[in-house]
Amino acid sequence: MPHDRREALRRKYLSLGVGELVAAAVFAVVLPRLTSAENAAAMWCALVPLLVILVQASVYWLAARRWVHSRPMPARIAAVYRGFRAFNVALLAAGLIGILVWMPSTIGAALLVLAVWAFGVVEYVNYFVVRLSYPVGSWLSRIGQWRTPRLVQDIQSSEPR
């Protein structure tokens, strides 16, 4: 791969990594303030899986800058992300159980909590199942292509153990 192309991808990965980290920080600060104390447990049950997945994604993008188009993902990192794939499903399930246990009594708060949890599911799917994020102008035409996420491609092509 030409050096210019690799550097462009490294910059893109830096932007993605920092962006996911900033998103996690903003969600962690803003969303709990949007709910009352009585709904805090449900919000945190929804928020924790989302934050964990966003931080995992951030670390992936930042780490991938080292190997992008020069070598496969290191086997140890691939093993960790294989573990994250299963861990995240359990975390999302536990979060949903917590939400159901501490479901807010008002419809607005309940919808907000469920939307936050659903966003965590969408992020999980986007990183570990099928790519969902595309530029707005091409989203409708590309979403039906069921592309494999970059993270999954890197895991699959990782160095032999």
Foldseek 3Di string as FASTA:
>chain_A
DDPVVLVVLLVVLLVLLVVLLVVLVCCVPPVCVVDDPLLNQLLCLLNVLQSVLSNLSSVVSNVCNVPVPNAFDAQVNLVVVVVVLVVSVVSLVSSVVSCVVSPDPDPVSNVSSVVSNVVSVVSSCCAQNFNQDDPPVCNVVPNVVRHGHPSVVRSVRHDDD
